[in-house]
N, C-alpha and C. Protein backbone atom coordinates (compact mmCIF):
# COMPACT_ATOMS: atom_id res chain seq x y z
N MET A 1 -25.06 -22.13 5.66
CA MET A 1 -24.27 -22.38 4.48
C MET A 1 -22.93 -22.98 4.90
N SER A 2 -22.52 -23.96 4.18
CA SER A 2 -21.27 -24.64 4.46
C SER A 2 -20.18 -24.07 3.55
N THR A 3 -18.99 -23.93 4.11
CA THR A 3 -17.86 -23.47 3.32
C THR A 3 -16.72 -24.46 3.48
N GLU A 4 -16.07 -24.74 2.39
CA GLU A 4 -14.90 -25.61 2.43
C GLU A 4 -13.68 -24.75 2.21
N ILE A 5 -12.77 -24.80 3.17
CA ILE A 5 -11.52 -24.05 3.05
C ILE A 5 -10.37 -24.99 3.38
N SER A 6 -9.18 -24.53 3.08
CA SER A 6 -8.01 -25.37 3.31
C SER A 6 -7.81 -25.62 4.80
N PRO A 7 -7.19 -26.75 5.14
CA PRO A 7 -6.89 -27.02 6.54
C PRO A 7 -6.06 -25.90 7.19
N GLU A 8 -5.15 -25.32 6.43
CA GLU A 8 -4.33 -24.23 6.96
C GLU A 8 -5.20 -23.03 7.34
N ASN A 9 -6.15 -22.68 6.48
CA ASN A 9 -7.03 -21.56 6.79
C ASN A 9 -7.98 -21.90 7.94
N GLU A 10 -8.39 -23.14 8.01
CA GLU A 10 -9.26 -23.55 9.12
C GLU A 10 -8.53 -23.42 10.44
N ARG A 11 -7.25 -23.82 10.47
CA ARG A 11 -6.45 -23.68 11.69
C ARG A 11 -6.29 -22.21 12.06
N PHE A 12 -6.09 -21.37 11.05
CA PHE A 12 -5.97 -19.93 11.31
C PHE A 12 -7.25 -19.39 11.94
N ILE A 13 -8.38 -19.78 11.41
CA ILE A 13 -9.68 -19.35 11.96
C ILE A 13 -9.80 -19.79 13.41
N GLU A 14 -9.45 -21.04 13.68
CA GLU A 14 -9.54 -21.56 15.04
C GLU A 14 -8.63 -20.78 15.99
N LYS A 15 -7.43 -20.40 15.53
CA LYS A 15 -6.52 -19.61 16.36
C LYS A 15 -7.10 -18.23 16.64
N GLN A 16 -7.73 -17.63 15.65
CA GLN A 16 -8.32 -16.31 15.83
C GLN A 16 -9.43 -16.34 16.88
N ILE A 17 -10.20 -17.40 16.87
CA ILE A 17 -11.28 -17.54 17.85
C ILE A 17 -10.69 -17.84 19.23
N ALA A 18 -9.71 -18.75 19.27
CA ALA A 18 -9.10 -19.13 20.55
C ALA A 18 -8.40 -17.94 21.21
N SER A 19 -7.83 -17.06 20.41
CA SER A 19 -7.11 -15.91 20.97
C SER A 19 -8.06 -14.80 21.40
N GLY A 20 -9.33 -14.92 21.04
CA GLY A 20 -10.30 -13.89 21.40
C GLY A 20 -10.39 -12.75 20.41
N THR A 21 -9.63 -12.84 19.33
CA THR A 21 -9.68 -11.79 18.31
C THR A 21 -11.07 -11.73 17.68
N PHE A 22 -11.66 -12.90 17.47
CA PHE A 22 -13.02 -13.02 16.93
C PHE A 22 -13.79 -13.98 17.80
N ARG A 23 -15.11 -13.81 17.83
CA ARG A 23 -15.95 -14.68 18.66
C ARG A 23 -16.39 -15.93 17.92
N THR A 24 -16.65 -15.81 16.62
CA THR A 24 -17.18 -16.96 15.88
C THR A 24 -16.47 -17.11 14.55
N ARG A 25 -16.65 -18.27 13.96
CA ARG A 25 -16.11 -18.56 12.64
C ARG A 25 -16.68 -17.57 11.62
N SER A 26 -17.96 -17.27 11.73
CA SER A 26 -18.60 -16.32 10.82
C SER A 26 -17.97 -14.94 10.92
N ASP A 27 -17.62 -14.52 12.15
CA ASP A 27 -16.97 -13.21 12.32
C ASP A 27 -15.63 -13.17 11.58
N VAL A 28 -14.87 -14.26 11.66
CA VAL A 28 -13.58 -14.33 10.97
C VAL A 28 -13.80 -14.26 9.46
N LEU A 29 -14.73 -15.05 8.98
CA LEU A 29 -14.98 -15.07 7.53
C LEU A 29 -15.52 -13.73 7.04
N ASP A 30 -16.40 -13.10 7.82
CA ASP A 30 -16.91 -11.78 7.44
C ASP A 30 -15.77 -10.76 7.35
N ALA A 31 -14.85 -10.81 8.30
CA ALA A 31 -13.71 -9.90 8.28
C ALA A 31 -12.85 -10.13 7.04
N GLY A 32 -12.66 -11.38 6.68
CA GLY A 32 -11.89 -11.70 5.49
C GLY A 32 -12.55 -11.19 4.22
N VAL A 33 -13.85 -11.38 4.13
CA VAL A 33 -14.58 -10.90 2.95
C VAL A 33 -14.54 -9.37 2.90
N GLU A 34 -14.66 -8.72 4.05
CA GLU A 34 -14.59 -7.25 4.08
C GLU A 34 -13.23 -6.77 3.59
N LEU A 35 -12.15 -7.46 3.98
CA LEU A 35 -10.83 -7.09 3.49
C LEU A 35 -10.73 -7.27 1.98
N LEU A 36 -11.34 -8.32 1.44
CA LEU A 36 -11.34 -8.51 -0.01
C LEU A 36 -12.11 -7.39 -0.71
N ARG A 37 -13.22 -6.97 -0.12
CA ARG A 37 -13.98 -5.84 -0.68
C ARG A 37 -13.12 -4.58 -0.69
N MET A 38 -12.46 -4.31 0.43
CA MET A 38 -11.61 -3.12 0.53
C MET A 38 -10.47 -3.18 -0.48
N ARG A 39 -9.91 -4.36 -0.66
CA ARG A 39 -8.83 -4.55 -1.64
C ARG A 39 -9.33 -4.25 -3.04
N ASN A 40 -10.51 -4.78 -3.37
CA ASN A 40 -11.06 -4.54 -4.71
C ASN A 40 -11.37 -3.06 -4.93
N GLU A 41 -11.90 -2.39 -3.91
CA GLU A 41 -12.16 -0.96 -4.02
C GLU A 41 -10.87 -0.19 -4.24
N LEU A 42 -9.82 -0.57 -3.53
CA LEU A 42 -8.53 0.09 -3.68
C LEU A 42 -7.98 -0.14 -5.09
N LEU A 43 -8.07 -1.37 -5.57
CA LEU A 43 -7.60 -1.66 -6.93
C LEU A 43 -8.39 -0.87 -7.97
N ASP A 44 -9.71 -0.72 -7.75
CA ASP A 44 -10.52 0.09 -8.66
C ASP A 44 -10.06 1.54 -8.65
N ARG A 45 -9.76 2.05 -7.45
CA ARG A 45 -9.28 3.44 -7.34
C ARG A 45 -7.93 3.61 -8.02
N ILE A 46 -7.07 2.61 -7.88
CA ILE A 46 -5.77 2.66 -8.55
C ILE A 46 -5.95 2.65 -10.06
N ASP A 47 -6.84 1.81 -10.55
CA ASP A 47 -7.11 1.77 -12.00
C ASP A 47 -7.61 3.12 -12.50
N GLU A 48 -8.53 3.74 -11.74
CA GLU A 48 -9.06 5.05 -12.12
C GLU A 48 -7.95 6.10 -12.09
N SER A 49 -7.10 6.03 -11.09
CA SER A 49 -5.98 6.97 -10.99
C SER A 49 -5.03 6.81 -12.17
N ARG A 50 -4.77 5.58 -12.53
CA ARG A 50 -3.90 5.30 -13.68
C ARG A 50 -4.51 5.88 -14.96
N ARG A 51 -5.83 5.71 -15.10
CA ARG A 51 -6.52 6.24 -16.27
C ARG A 51 -6.39 7.75 -16.31
N GLN A 52 -6.56 8.39 -15.15
CA GLN A 52 -6.45 9.85 -15.08
C GLN A 52 -5.03 10.30 -15.42
N LEU A 53 -4.03 9.61 -14.90
CA LEU A 53 -2.65 9.96 -15.23
C LEU A 53 -2.39 9.82 -16.72
N ASP A 54 -2.84 8.71 -17.29
CA ASP A 54 -2.63 8.46 -18.71
C ASP A 54 -3.31 9.50 -19.59
N SER A 55 -4.42 10.05 -19.11
CA SER A 55 -5.14 11.06 -19.91
C SER A 55 -4.71 12.48 -19.57
N GLY A 56 -3.71 12.62 -18.70
CA GLY A 56 -3.17 13.94 -18.38
C GLY A 56 -3.93 14.70 -17.32
N GLN A 57 -4.78 14.02 -16.58
CA GLN A 57 -5.57 14.66 -15.52
C GLN A 57 -4.82 14.59 -14.20
N TYR A 58 -3.84 15.46 -14.04
CA TYR A 58 -3.08 15.49 -12.80
C TYR A 58 -2.47 16.87 -12.62
N THR A 59 -1.96 17.14 -11.43
CA THR A 59 -1.30 18.40 -11.11
C THR A 59 0.13 18.09 -10.71
N GLU A 60 1.05 18.81 -11.32
CA GLU A 60 2.45 18.65 -10.94
C GLU A 60 2.77 19.60 -9.80
N TYR A 61 3.56 19.13 -8.85
CA TYR A 61 3.96 19.91 -7.69
C TYR A 61 5.48 19.96 -7.61
N ASP A 62 6.02 21.13 -7.26
CA ASP A 62 7.42 21.18 -6.89
C ASP A 62 7.48 20.93 -5.39
N GLU A 63 8.68 20.90 -4.84
CA GLU A 63 8.81 20.54 -3.42
C GLU A 63 8.06 21.51 -2.51
N GLN A 64 8.12 22.80 -2.83
CA GLN A 64 7.47 23.81 -1.99
C GLN A 64 5.95 23.69 -2.05
N THR A 65 5.39 23.56 -3.25
CA THR A 65 3.93 23.46 -3.35
C THR A 65 3.42 22.12 -2.82
N LEU A 66 4.23 21.09 -2.93
CA LEU A 66 3.84 19.80 -2.37
C LEU A 66 3.80 19.88 -0.85
N GLN A 67 4.78 20.52 -0.25
CA GLN A 67 4.79 20.68 1.21
C GLN A 67 3.57 21.47 1.66
N ARG A 68 3.24 22.53 0.92
CA ARG A 68 2.07 23.34 1.25
C ARG A 68 0.80 22.50 1.15
N ARG A 69 0.71 21.66 0.14
CA ARG A 69 -0.46 20.79 -0.04
C ARG A 69 -0.59 19.83 1.13
N PHE A 70 0.52 19.22 1.57
CA PHE A 70 0.48 18.32 2.71
C PHE A 70 0.01 19.04 3.97
N GLU A 71 0.48 20.26 4.16
CA GLU A 71 0.06 21.03 5.33
C GLU A 71 -1.44 21.32 5.28
N GLU A 72 -1.96 21.63 4.09
CA GLU A 72 -3.40 21.86 3.94
C GLU A 72 -4.19 20.59 4.28
N LEU A 73 -3.71 19.46 3.79
CA LEU A 73 -4.41 18.20 4.06
C LEU A 73 -4.35 17.84 5.54
N LYS A 74 -3.21 18.08 6.18
CA LYS A 74 -3.10 17.80 7.61
C LYS A 74 -4.04 18.71 8.40
N ALA A 75 -4.11 19.97 8.02
CA ALA A 75 -5.00 20.90 8.71
C ALA A 75 -6.45 20.49 8.52
N ARG A 76 -6.81 20.08 7.32
CA ARG A 76 -8.19 19.64 7.06
C ARG A 76 -8.52 18.40 7.88
N ALA A 77 -7.59 17.45 7.95
CA ALA A 77 -7.82 16.23 8.73
C ALA A 77 -7.95 16.56 10.21
N HIS A 78 -7.12 17.48 10.68
CA HIS A 78 -7.19 17.88 12.09
C HIS A 78 -8.51 18.57 12.40
N ASN A 79 -8.96 19.41 11.51
CA ASN A 79 -10.20 20.15 11.71
C ASN A 79 -11.44 19.27 11.67
N THR A 80 -11.35 18.13 11.00
CA THR A 80 -12.50 17.23 10.93
C THR A 80 -12.40 16.12 11.97
N GLY A 81 -11.36 16.16 12.80
CA GLY A 81 -11.22 15.18 13.87
C GLY A 81 -10.63 13.86 13.44
N HIS A 82 -10.04 13.81 12.23
CA HIS A 82 -9.48 12.55 11.75
C HIS A 82 -7.96 12.53 11.80
N GLY A 83 -7.37 13.59 12.24
CA GLY A 83 -5.91 13.65 12.28
C GLY A 83 -5.38 13.48 13.68
N ALA A 84 -4.13 13.16 13.76
CA ALA A 84 -3.45 13.04 15.05
C ALA A 84 -2.38 14.09 15.12
N LYS A 85 -2.13 14.57 16.31
CA LYS A 85 -1.06 15.56 16.49
C LYS A 85 0.28 14.88 16.62
């Protein structure tokens, strides 16, 4: 499949390959499309969050309970191997 992109983007792709960041043009384009997918998923999550806020589906935290919540989340991330010390 052939793709037409701007000369500026073509130069960027060539630099990415020349620097060794990516091996092929397809790898660069796949990475770009993946970022667009991630962006769209994030925007969908933001829209859903906005809908929940607007409908009153949220929890209010004071400073103390918010700090406790962060500590719980950090502990959970650490226990699942996704956190850093």
